[in-house]
PDB file of all heavy atoms in Angstrom:
ATOM      1  N   VAL A   1     -48.822   1.748 -15.180  1.00  0.00           N
ATOM      2  CA  VAL A   1     -48.121   2.584 -14.217  1.00  0.00           C
ATOM      3  C   VAL A   1     -48.718   3.980 -14.283  1.00  0.00           C
ATOM      4  O   VAL A   1     -49.053   4.465 -15.369  1.00  0.00           O
ATOM      5  CB  VAL A   1     -46.611   2.626 -14.510  1.00  0.00           C
ATOM      6  CG1 VAL A   1     -45.917   3.642 -13.607  1.00  0.00           C
ATOM      7  CG2 VAL A   1     -45.997   1.254 -14.309  1.00  0.00           C
ATOM      8  N   TYR A   2     -48.834   4.617 -13.128  1.00  0.00           N
ATOM      9  CA  TYR A   2     -49.434   5.937 -13.060  1.00  0.00           C
ATOM     10  C   TYR A   2     -48.447   7.002 -12.600  1.00  0.00           C
ATOM     11  O   TYR A   2     -47.455   6.709 -11.941  1.00  0.00           O
ATOM     12  CB  TYR A   2     -50.613   5.936 -12.082  1.00  0.00           C
ATOM     13  CG  TYR A   2     -51.689   4.931 -12.400  1.00  0.00           C
ATOM     14  CD1 TYR A   2     -51.848   3.790 -11.623  1.00  0.00           C
ATOM     15  CD2 TYR A   2     -52.552   5.126 -13.477  1.00  0.00           C
ATOM     16  CE1 TYR A   2     -52.833   2.864 -11.902  1.00  0.00           C
ATOM     17  CE2 TYR A   2     -53.536   4.201 -13.768  1.00  0.00           C
ATOM     18  CZ  TYR A   2     -53.678   3.075 -12.979  1.00  0.00           C
ATOM     19  OH  TYR A   2     -54.662   2.163 -13.270  1.00  0.00           O
ATOM     20  N   LEU A   3     -48.752   8.223 -12.949  1.00  0.00           N
ATOM     21  CA  LEU A   3     -48.027   9.365 -12.417  1.00  0.00           C
ATOM     22  C   LEU A   3     -49.080  10.350 -11.941  1.00  0.00           C
ATOM     23  O   LEU A   3     -49.744  11.007 -12.751  1.00  0.00           O
ATOM     24  CB  LEU A   3     -47.132  10.023 -13.470  1.00  0.00           C
ATOM     25  CG  LEU A   3     -46.305  11.206 -12.953  1.00  0.00           C
ATOM     26  CD1 LEU A   3     -45.266  10.720 -11.935  1.00  0.00           C
ATOM     27  CD2 LEU A   3     -45.614  11.937 -14.093  1.00  0.00           C
ATOM     28  N   GLN A   4     -49.259  10.416 -10.631  1.00  0.00           N
ATOM     29  CA  GLN A   4     -50.185  11.372 -10.044  1.00  0.00           C
ATOM     30  C   GLN A   4     -49.462  12.700  -9.915  1.00  0.00           C
ATOM     31  O   GLN A   4     -48.412  12.774  -9.280  1.00  0.00           O
ATOM     32  CB  GLN A   4     -50.654  10.890  -8.668  1.00  0.00           C
ATOM     33  CG  GLN A   4     -51.589  11.855  -7.952  1.00  0.00           C
ATOM     34  CD  GLN A   4     -52.904  12.038  -8.668  1.00  0.00           C
ATOM     35  OE1 GLN A   4     -53.560  11.061  -9.021  1.00  0.00           O
ATOM     36  NE2 GLN A   4     -53.298  13.285  -8.906  1.00  0.00           N
ATOM     37  N   MET A   5     -50.026  13.729 -10.507  1.00  0.00           N
ATOM     38  CA  MET A   5     -49.411  15.044 -10.530  1.00  0.00           C
ATOM     39  C   MET A   5     -50.307  16.037  -9.802  1.00  0.00           C
ATOM     40  O   MET A   5     -51.424  16.307 -10.233  1.00  0.00           O
ATOM     41  CB  MET A   5     -49.191  15.497 -11.976  1.00  0.00           C
ATOM     42  CG  MET A   5     -48.461  14.461 -12.828  1.00  0.00           C
ATOM     43  SD  MET A   5     -48.636  14.755 -14.613  1.00  0.00           S
ATOM     44  CE  MET A   5     -47.667  16.251 -14.802  1.00  0.00           C
ATOM     45  N   ASN A   6     -49.805  16.561  -8.699  1.00  0.00           N
ATOM     46  CA  ASN A   6     -50.571  17.499  -7.888  1.00  0.00           C
ATOM     47  C   ASN A   6     -49.892  18.862  -7.839  1.00  0.00           C
ATOM     48  O   ASN A   6     -48.702  18.988  -8.107  1.00  0.00           O
ATOM     49  CB  ASN A   6     -50.727  16.969  -6.458  1.00  0.00           C
ATOM     50  CG  ASN A   6     -51.421  15.632  -6.393  1.00  0.00           C
ATOM     51  OD1 ASN A   6     -52.435  15.417  -7.054  1.00  0.00           O
ATOM     52  ND2 ASN A   6     -50.888  14.721  -5.584  1.00  0.00           N
ATOM     53  N   SER A   7     -50.662  19.869  -7.464  1.00  0.00           N
ATOM     54  CA  SER A   7     -50.146  21.231  -7.345  1.00  0.00           C
ATOM     55  C   SER A   7     -49.342  21.624  -8.577  1.00  0.00           C
ATOM     56  O   SER A   7     -48.216  22.115  -8.481  1.00  0.00           O
ATOM     57  CB  SER A   7     -49.280  21.353  -6.083  1.00  0.00           C
ATOM     58  OG  SER A   7     -50.019  21.028  -4.924  1.00  0.00           O
ATOM     59  N   LEU A   8     -49.933  21.408  -9.716  1.00  0.00           N
ATOM     60  CA  LEU A   8     -49.237  21.648 -10.978  1.00  0.00           C
ATOM     61  C   LEU A   8     -48.857  23.108 -11.169  1.00  0.00           C
ATOM     62  O   LEU A   8     -49.598  24.014 -10.791  1.00  0.00           O
ATOM     63  CB  LEU A   8     -50.092  21.172 -12.139  1.00  0.00           C
ATOM     64  CG  LEU A   8     -50.131  19.650 -12.308  1.00  0.00           C
ATOM     65  CD1 LEU A   8     -51.295  19.239 -13.203  1.00  0.00           C
ATOM     66  CD2 LEU A   8     -48.810  19.153 -12.895  1.00  0.00           C
ATOM     67  N   LYS A   9     -47.699  23.297 -11.772  1.00  0.00           N
ATOM     68  CA  LYS A   9     -47.161  24.617 -12.059  1.00  0.00           C
ATOM     69  C   LYS A   9     -46.976  24.771 -13.562  1.00  0.00           C
ATOM     70  O   LYS A   9     -46.831  23.780 -14.273  1.00  0.00           O
ATOM     71  CB  LYS A   9     -45.804  24.803 -11.375  1.00  0.00           C
ATOM     72  CG  LYS A   9     -45.793  24.561  -9.884  1.00  0.00           C
ATOM     73  CD  LYS A   9     -44.370  24.643  -9.341  1.00  0.00           C
ATOM     74  CE  LYS A   9     -44.337  24.389  -7.849  1.00  0.00           C
ATOM     75  NZ  LYS A   9     -42.943  24.443  -7.321  1.00  0.00           N
ATOM     76  N   PRO A  10     -46.962  25.991 -14.064  1.00  0.00           N
ATOM     77  CA  PRO A  10     -46.720  26.187 -15.499  1.00  0.00           C
ATOM     78  C   PRO A  10     -45.419  25.531 -15.966  1.00  0.00           C
ATOM     79  O   PRO A  10     -45.345  25.072 -17.111  1.00  0.00           O
ATOM     80  CB  PRO A  10     -46.656  27.713 -15.629  1.00  0.00           C
ATOM     81  CG  PRO A  10     -47.568  28.200 -14.557  1.00  0.00           C
ATOM     82  CD  PRO A  10     -47.296  27.268 -13.399  1.00  0.00           C
ATOM     83  N   GLU A  11     -44.429  25.479 -15.095  1.00  0.00           N
ATOM     84  CA  GLU A  11     -43.155  24.854 -15.425  1.00  0.00           C
ATOM     85  C   GLU A  11     -43.273  23.352 -15.671  1.00  0.00           C
ATOM     86  O   GLU A  11     -42.346  22.747 -16.210  1.00  0.00           O
ATOM     87  CB  GLU A  11     -42.132  25.095 -14.305  1.00  0.00           C
ATOM     88  CG  GLU A  11     -41.927  26.561 -13.960  1.00  0.00           C
ATOM     89  CD  GLU A  11     -42.849  27.023 -12.862  1.00  0.00           C
ATOM     90  OE1 GLU A  11     -42.491  26.859 -11.679  1.00  0.00           O
ATOM     91  OE2 GLU A  11     -43.934  27.554 -13.190  1.00  0.00           O
ATOM     92  N   ASP A  12     -44.387  22.755 -15.263  1.00  0.00           N
ATOM     93  CA  ASP A  12     -44.608  21.331 -15.476  1.00  0.00           C
ATOM     94  C   ASP A  12     -45.092  21.037 -16.893  1.00  0.00           C
ATOM     95  O   ASP A  12     -45.211  19.872 -17.275  1.00  0.00           O
ATOM     96  CB  ASP A  12     -45.631  20.785 -14.482  1.00  0.00           C
ATOM     97  CG  ASP A  12     -45.135  20.836 -13.046  1.00  0.00           C
ATOM     98  OD1 ASP A  12     -43.938  20.554 -12.816  1.00  0.00           O
ATOM     99  OD2 ASP A  12     -45.948  21.156 -12.154  1.00  0.00           O
ATOM    100  N   THR A  13     -45.379  22.059 -17.644  1.00  0.00           N
ATOM    101  CA  THR A  13     -45.858  21.899 -19.016  1.00  0.00           C
ATOM    102  C   THR A  13     -44.833  21.159 -19.865  1.00  0.00           C
ATOM    103  O   THR A  13     -43.627  21.419 -19.777  1.00  0.00           O
ATOM    104  CB  THR A  13     -46.151  23.268 -19.646  1.00  0.00           C
ATOM    105  OG1 THR A  13     -47.265  23.866 -18.982  1.00  0.00           O
ATOM    106  CG2 THR A  13     -46.477  23.136 -21.127  1.00  0.00           C
ATOM    107  N   GLY A  14     -45.312  20.246 -20.677  1.00  0.00           N
ATOM    108  CA  GLY A  14     -44.432  19.513 -21.560  1.00  0.00           C
ATOM    109  C   GLY A  14     -45.065  18.219 -22.033  1.00  0.00           C
ATOM    110  O   GLY A  14     -46.198  17.911 -21.696  1.00  0.00           O
ATOM    111  N   VAL A  15     -44.311  17.489 -22.817  1.00  0.00           N
ATOM    112  CA  VAL A  15     -44.755  16.183 -23.267  1.00  0.00           C
ATOM    113  C   VAL A  15     -44.162  15.150 -22.327  1.00  0.00           C
ATOM    114  O   VAL A  15     -42.948  15.124 -22.117  1.00  0.00           O
ATOM    115  CB  VAL A  15     -44.311  15.893 -24.716  1.00  0.00           C
ATOM    116  CG1 VAL A  15     -44.766  14.499 -25.139  1.00  0.00           C
ATOM    117  CG2 VAL A  15     -44.868  16.947 -25.662  1.00  0.00           C
ATOM    118  N   TYR A  16     -45.012  14.322 -21.775  1.00  0.00           N
ATOM    119  CA  TYR A  16     -44.574  13.296 -20.840  1.00  0.00           C
ATOM    120  C   TYR A  16     -44.513  11.944 -21.537  1.00  0.00           C
ATOM    121  O   TYR A  16     -45.479  11.501 -22.148  1.00  0.00           O
ATOM    122  CB  TYR A  16     -45.529  13.234 -19.644  1.00  0.00           C
ATOM    123  CG  TYR A  16     -45.344  14.378 -18.683  1.00  0.00           C
ATOM    124  CD1 TYR A  16     -45.753  15.665 -19.028  1.00  0.00           C
ATOM    125  CD2 TYR A  16     -44.753  14.179 -17.435  1.00  0.00           C
ATOM    126  CE1 TYR A  16     -45.564  16.731 -18.163  1.00  0.00           C
ATOM    127  CE2 TYR A  16     -44.564  15.240 -16.560  1.00  0.00           C
ATOM    128  CZ  TYR A  16     -44.969  16.515 -16.928  1.00  0.00           C
ATOM    129  OH  TYR A  16     -44.790  17.570 -16.060  1.00  0.00           O
ATOM    130  N   TYR A  17     -43.358  11.309 -21.418  1.00  0.00           N
ATOM    131  CA  TYR A  17     -43.117  10.023 -22.052  1.00  0.00           C
ATOM    132  C   TYR A  17     -42.916   8.929 -21.015  1.00  0.00           C
ATOM    133  O   TYR A  17     -42.314   9.163 -19.964  1.00  0.00           O
ATOM    134  CB  TYR A  17     -41.865  10.063 -22.925  1.00  0.00           C
ATOM    135  CG  TYR A  17     -41.917  11.041 -24.074  1.00  0.00           C
ATOM    136  CD1 TYR A  17     -41.503  12.352 -23.919  1.00  0.00           C
ATOM    137  CD2 TYR A  17     -42.371  10.634 -25.327  1.00  0.00           C
ATOM    138  CE1 TYR A  17     -41.535  13.250 -24.977  1.00  0.00           C
ATOM    139  CE2 TYR A  17     -42.404  11.520 -26.390  1.00  0.00           C
ATOM    140  CZ  TYR A  17     -41.983  12.825 -26.207  1.00  0.00           C
ATOM    141  OH  TYR A  17     -42.015  13.703 -27.255  1.00  0.00           O
ATOM    142  N   CYS A  18     -43.385   7.757 -21.339  1.00  0.00           N
ATOM    143  CA  CYS A  18     -43.188   6.585 -20.510  1.00  0.00           C
ATOM    144  C   CYS A  18     -42.113   5.713 -21.146  1.00  0.00           C
ATOM    145  O   CYS A  18     -42.145   5.457 -22.352  1.00  0.00           O
ATOM    146  CB  CYS A  18     -44.502   5.812 -20.396  1.00  0.00           C
ATOM    147  SG  CYS A  18     -44.412   4.305 -19.413  1.00  0.00           S
ATOM    148  N   ASN A  19     -41.154   5.293 -20.345  1.00  0.00           N
ATOM    149  CA  ASN A  19     -40.110   4.380 -20.794  1.00  0.00           C
ATOM    150  C   ASN A  19     -40.091   3.207 -19.831  1.00  0.00           C
ATOM    151  O   ASN A  19     -40.041   3.406 -18.620  1.00  0.00           O
ATOM    152  CB  ASN A  19     -38.750   5.079 -20.803  1.00  0.00           C
ATOM    153  CG  ASN A  19     -37.621   4.141 -21.181  1.00  0.00           C
ATOM    154  OD1 ASN A  19     -37.060   3.458 -20.328  1.00  0.00           O
ATOM    155  ND2 ASN A  19     -37.287   4.111 -22.462  1.00  0.00           N
ATOM    156  N   ALA A  20     -40.124   1.986 -20.362  1.00  0.00           N
ATOM    157  CA  ALA A  20     -40.242   0.841 -19.475  1.00  0.00           C
ATOM    158  C   ALA A  20     -39.513  -0.397 -19.940  1.00  0.00           C
ATOM    159  O   ALA A  20     -39.280  -0.600 -21.135  1.00  0.00           O
ATOM    160  CB  ALA A  20     -41.722   0.502 -19.271  1.00  0.00           C
ATOM    161  N   ASP A  21     -39.172  -1.223 -18.959  1.00  0.00           N
ATOM    162  CA  ASP A  21     -38.703  -2.576 -19.204  1.00  0.00           C
ATOM    163  C   ASP A  21     -39.931  -3.454 -18.995  1.00  0.00           C
ATOM    164  O   ASP A  21     -40.633  -3.312 -17.992  1.00  0.00           O
ATOM    165  CB  ASP A  21     -37.611  -2.979 -18.221  1.00  0.00           C
ATOM    166  CG  ASP A  21     -36.333  -2.198 -18.427  1.00  0.00           C
ATOM    167  OD1 ASP A  21     -36.109  -1.699 -19.548  1.00  0.00           O
ATOM    168  OD2 ASP A  21     -35.548  -2.085 -17.462  1.00  0.00           O
ATOM    169  N   LEU A  22     -40.170  -4.358 -19.930  1.00  0.00           N
ATOM    170  CA  LEU A  22     -41.363  -5.179 -19.890  1.00  0.00           C
ATOM    171  C   LEU A  22     -41.044  -6.659 -19.739  1.00  0.00           C
ATOM    172  O   LEU A  22     -40.110  -7.164 -20.351  1.00  0.00           O
ATOM    173  CB  LEU A  22     -42.185  -4.978 -21.169  1.00  0.00           C
ATOM    174  CG  LEU A  22     -42.516  -3.536 -21.539  1.00  0.00           C
ATOM    175  CD1 LEU A  22     -43.193  -3.486 -22.904  1.00  0.00           C
ATOM    176  CD2 LEU A  22     -43.420  -2.921 -20.474  1.00  0.00           C
ATOM    177  N   ILE A  23     -41.843  -7.330 -18.921  1.00  0.00           N
ATOM    178  CA  ILE A  23     -41.725  -8.770 -18.761  1.00  0.00           C
ATOM    179  C   ILE A  23     -42.724  -9.401 -19.715  1.00  0.00           C
ATOM    180  O   ILE A  23     -43.934  -9.239 -19.554  1.00  0.00           O
ATOM    181  CB  ILE A  23     -42.017  -9.203 -17.316  1.00  0.00           C
ATOM    182  CG1 ILE A  23     -41.022  -8.551 -16.358  1.00  0.00           C
ATOM    183  CG2 ILE A  23     -41.948 -10.728 -17.200  1.00  0.00           C
ATOM    184  CD1 ILE A  23     -41.296  -8.827 -14.901  1.00  0.00           C
ATOM    185  N   GLY A  24     -42.218 -10.110 -20.703  1.00  0.00           N
ATOM    186  CA  GLY A  24     -43.085 -10.691 -21.708  1.00  0.00           C
ATOM    187  C   GLY A  24     -43.526 -12.105 -21.407  1.00  0.00           C
ATOM    188  O   GLY A  24     -43.068 -12.739 -20.453  1.00  0.00           O
ATOM    189  N   LEU A  25     -44.415 -12.577 -22.230  1.00  0.00           N
ATOM    190  CA  LEU A  25     -44.898 -13.943 -22.129  1.00  0.00           C
ATOM    191  C   LEU A  25     -43.949 -14.882 -22.865  1.00  0.00           C
ATOM    192  O   LEU A  25     -43.210 -14.471 -23.756  1.00  0.00           O
ATOM    193  CB  LEU A  25     -46.300 -14.059 -22.739  1.00  0.00           C
ATOM    194  CG  LEU A  25     -47.406 -13.238 -22.082  1.00  0.00           C
ATOM    195  CD1 LEU A  25     -48.679 -13.342 -22.895  1.00  0.00           C
ATOM    196  CD2 LEU A  25     -47.637 -13.698 -20.655  1.00  0.00           C
ATOM    197  N   GLY A  26     -43.968 -16.124 -22.481  1.00  0.00           N
ATOM    198  CA  GLY A  26     -43.141 -17.114 -23.155  1.00  0.00           C
ATOM    199  C   GLY A  26     -41.643 -16.898 -23.030  1.00  0.00           C
ATOM    200  O   GLY A  26     -40.885 -17.326 -23.902  1.00  0.00           O
ATOM    201  N   GLY A  27     -41.219 -16.227 -21.963  1.00  0.00           N
ATOM    202  CA  GLY A  27     -39.800 -16.021 -21.728  1.00  0.00           C
ATOM    203  C   GLY A  27     -39.183 -14.830 -22.438  1.00  0.00           C
ATOM    204  O   GLY A  27     -37.967 -14.629 -22.358  1.00  0.00           O
ATOM    205  N   PHE A  28     -39.993 -14.051 -23.128  1.00  0.00           N
ATOM    206  CA  PHE A  28     -39.487 -12.868 -23.821  1.00  0.00           C
ATOM    207  C   PHE A  28     -39.566 -11.628 -22.937  1.00  0.00           C
ATOM    208  O   PHE A  28     -40.577 -11.394 -22.279  1.00  0.00           O
ATOM    209  CB  PHE A  28     -40.275 -12.629 -25.113  1.00  0.00           C
ATOM    210  CG  PHE A  28     -40.127 -13.718 -26.128  1.00  0.00           C
ATOM    211  CD1 PHE A  28     -41.142 -14.641 -26.315  1.00  0.00           C
ATOM    212  CD2 PHE A  28     -38.978 -13.819 -26.896  1.00  0.00           C
ATOM    213  CE1 PHE A  28     -41.008 -15.656 -27.256  1.00  0.00           C
ATOM    214  CE2 PHE A  28     -38.830 -14.827 -27.844  1.00  0.00           C
ATOM    215  CZ  PHE A  28     -39.853 -15.749 -28.017  1.00  0.00           C
ATOM    216  N   ASN A  29     -38.504 -10.839 -22.943  1.00  0.00           N
ATOM    217  CA  ASN A  29     -38.476  -9.580 -22.207  1.00  0.00           C
ATOM    218  C   ASN A  29     -38.100  -8.455 -23.164  1.00  0.00           C
ATOM    219  O   ASN A  29     -37.409  -8.665 -24.161  1.00  0.00           O
ATOM    220  CB  ASN A  29     -37.476  -9.640 -21.059  1.00  0.00           C
ATOM    221  CG  ASN A  29     -37.889 -10.619 -19.982  1.00  0.00           C
ATOM    222  OD1 ASN A  29     -39.054 -10.679 -19.601  1.00  0.00           O
ATOM    223  ND2 ASN A  29     -36.936 -11.386 -19.480  1.00  0.00           N
ATOM    224  N   TYR A  30     -38.556  -7.256 -22.823  1.00  0.00           N
ATOM    225  CA  TYR A  30     -38.305  -6.099 -23.663  1.00  0.00           C
ATOM    226  C   TYR A  30     -37.798  -4.959 -22.798  1.00  0.00           C
ATOM    227  O   TYR A  30     -38.322  -4.707 -21.719  1.00  0.00           O
ATOM    228  CB  TYR A  30     -39.578  -5.680 -24.397  1.00  0.00           C
ATOM    229  CG  TYR A  30     -40.206  -6.803 -25.183  1.00  0.00           C
ATOM    230  CD1 TYR A  30     -41.104  -7.675 -24.577  1.00  0.00           C
ATOM    231  CD2 TYR A  30     -39.887  -6.998 -26.526  1.00  0.00           C
ATOM    232  CE1 TYR A  30     -41.672  -8.723 -25.294  1.00  0.00           C
ATOM    233  CE2 TYR A  30     -40.452  -8.040 -27.242  1.00  0.00           C
ATOM    234  CZ  TYR A  30     -41.340  -8.898 -26.626  1.00  0.00           C
ATOM    235  OH  TYR A  30     -41.892  -9.932 -27.340  1.00  0.00           O
ATOM    236  N   THR A  31     -36.782  -4.273 -23.284  1.00  0.00           N
ATOM    237  CA  THR A  31     -36.202  -3.184 -22.515  1.00  0.00           C
ATOM    238  C   THR A  31     -36.267  -1.860 -23.271  1.00  0.00           C
ATOM    239  O   THR A  31     -36.280  -1.822 -24.499  1.00  0.00           O
ATOM    240  CB  THR A  31     -34.735  -3.476 -22.169  1.00  0.00           C
ATOM    241  OG1 THR A  31     -33.975  -3.651 -23.371  1.00  0.00           O
ATOM    242  CG2 THR A  31     -34.631  -4.736 -21.325  1.00  0.00           C
ATOM    243  N   ASP A  32     -36.298  -0.792 -22.496  1.00  0.00           N
ATOM    244  CA  ASP A  32     -36.260   0.569 -23.032  1.00  0.00           C
ATOM    245  C   ASP A  32     -37.307   0.854 -24.110  1.00  0.00           C
ATOM    246  O   ASP A  32     -37.001   1.419 -25.157  1.00  0.00           O
ATOM    247  CB  ASP A  32     -34.871   0.884 -23.572  1.00  0.00           C
ATOM    248  CG  ASP A  32     -33.823   0.971 -22.486  1.00  0.00           C
ATOM    249  OD1 ASP A  32     -34.154   1.462 -21.380  1.00  0.00           O
ATOM    250  OD2 ASP A  32     -32.678   0.550 -22.726  1.00  0.00           O
ATOM    251  N   TYR A  33     -38.524   0.454 -23.834  1.00  0.00           N
ATOM    252  CA  TYR A  33     -39.627   0.773 -24.724  1.00  0.00           C
ATOM    253  C   TYR A  33     -40.174   2.151 -24.401  1.00  0.00           C
ATOM    254  O   TYR A  33     -40.386   2.488 -23.229  1.00  0.00           O
ATOM    255  CB  TYR A  33     -40.738  -0.271 -24.596  1.00  0.00           C
ATOM    256  CG  TYR A  33     -40.755  -1.276 -25.720  1.00  0.00           C
ATOM    257  CD1 TYR A  33     -39.749  -2.223 -25.836  1.00  0.00           C
ATOM    258  CD2 TYR A  33     -41.781  -1.260 -26.664  1.00  0.00           C
ATOM    259  CE1 TYR A  33     -39.763  -3.137 -26.874  1.00  0.00           C
ATOM    260  CE2 TYR A  33     -41.799  -2.183 -27.706  1.00  0.00           C
ATOM    261  CZ  TYR A  33     -40.784  -3.115 -27.799  1.00  0.00           C
ATOM    262  OH  TYR A  33     -40.796  -4.029 -28.825  1.00  0.00           O
ATOM    263  N   TRP A  34     -40.391   2.940 -25.435  1.00  0.00           N
ATOM    264  CA  TRP A  34     -40.919   4.292 -25.287  1.00  0.00           C
ATOM    265  C   TRP A  34     -42.341   4.397 -25.818  1.00  0.00           C
ATOM    266  O   TRP A  34     -42.670   3.823 -26.854  1.00  0.00           O
ATOM    267  CB  TRP A  34     -40.068   5.306 -26.049  1.00  0.00           C
ATOM    268  CG  TRP A  34     -38.732   5.577 -25.448  1.00  0.00           C
ATOM    269  CD1 TRP A  34     -37.553   4.962 -25.758  1.00  0.00           C
ATOM    270  CD2 TRP A  34     -38.431   6.553 -24.443  1.00  0.00           C
ATOM    271  NE1 TRP A  34     -36.530   5.490 -25.013  1.00  0.00           N
ATOM    272  CE2 TRP A  34     -37.035   6.471 -24.198  1.00  0.00           C
ATOM    273  CE3 TRP A  34     -39.194   7.482 -23.738  1.00  0.00           C
ATOM    274  CZ2 TRP A  34     -36.395   7.292 -23.265  1.00  0.00           C
ATOM    275  CZ3 TRP A  34     -38.559   8.294 -22.808  1.00  0.00           C
ATOM    276  CH2 TRP A  34     -37.171   8.190 -22.583  1.00  0.00           C
ATOM    277  N   GLY A  35     -43.154   5.154 -25.112  1.00  0.00           N
ATOM    278  CA  GLY A  35     -44.473   5.476 -25.602  1.00  0.00           C
ATOM    279  C   GLY A  35     -44.363   6.704 -26.486  1.00  0.00           C
ATOM    280  O   GLY A  35     -43.281   7.276 -26.648  1.00  0.00           O
ATOM    281  N   GLN A  36     -45.470   7.131 -27.058  1.00  0.00           N
ATOM    282  CA  GLN A  36     -45.467   8.279 -27.957  1.00  0.00           C
ATOM    283  C   GLN A  36     -45.620   9.614 -27.241  1.00  0.00           C
ATOM    284  O   GLN A  36     -45.456  10.662 -27.849  1.00  0.00           O
ATOM    285  CB  GLN A  36     -46.577   8.129 -29.003  1.00  0.00           C
ATOM    286  CG  GLN A  36     -46.338   6.983 -29.976  1.00  0.00           C
ATOM    287  CD  GLN A  36     -45.044   7.136 -30.728  1.00  0.00           C
ATOM    288  OE1 GLN A  36     -44.826   8.161 -31.401  1.00  0.00           O
ATOM    289  NE2 GLN A  36     -44.169   6.148 -30.638  1.00  0.00           N
ATOM    290  N   GLY A  37     -45.922   9.571 -25.966  1.00  0.00           N
ATOM    291  CA  GLY A  37     -46.028  10.780 -25.179  1.00  0.00           C
ATOM    292  C   GLY A  37     -47.441  11.324 -25.078  1.00  0.00           C
ATOM    293  O   GLY A  37     -48.289  11.058 -25.923  1.00  0.00           O
ATOM    294  N   THR A  38     -47.668  12.091 -24.035  1.00  0.00           N
ATOM    295  CA  THR A  38     -48.952  12.747 -23.835  1.00  0.00           C
ATOM    296  C   THR A  38     -48.691  14.181 -23.382  1.00  0.00           C
ATOM    297  O   THR A  38     -47.837  14.425 -22.536  1.00  0.00           O
ATOM    298  CB  THR A  38     -49.818  11.981 -22.808  1.00  0.00           C
ATOM    299  OG1 THR A  38     -51.105  12.602 -22.700  1.00  0.00           O
ATOM    300  CG2 THR A  38     -49.164  11.940 -21.432  1.00  0.00           C
TER     301      THR A  38
END
């Protein structure tokens, strides 16, 4: 998944985290997974 960020402002500064529900293989699903941020 992407986040295209245009016309950036200083107020946009911060750590951006991804949180997702994932469809797994073999019938397994995962919810509310967090990345480490960028």
